[in-house]
Amino acid sequence: MRHCDILSVFSEIIIFKEQIYPNMTTTAIRTKVHKYIDEADTKVLEVVYQLLEVYRQGNSSLMTVEQQKEILKRSASYKAGKTKGYSLSEARKRVKQKLSV
């Protein structure tokens, strides 16, 4: 999985988490993460490792300058009515599909 793919999935997971588990405590999150890691296959472990390495390196933004420009470009396109947005249920479905791949 490429670096930008990992970041894309990670950002969608964060949004998804805030909508599904907005009141989850840090302790509860830590417990779930430990359980998932203990049961994860190699591919998942590699993605989690890469993600944590990016975070550990102290990058203030998980996105490159190019990725940030792309976000701004897409936002402008959406605001101009040139691209489609997704409802919460559609966004959840897309995240679930990406996570199952």
Foldseek 3Di string as FASTA:
>chain_A
DDLVVLVVLVVLVVVVCCVPPVPDDPVNVVVVVVVCVVVDDPVVVVSVVSVVVCVVVPDPDSDDPVVVVVVVVVVVCVVVVNDDDDDPVRSVVVSVVVVVD
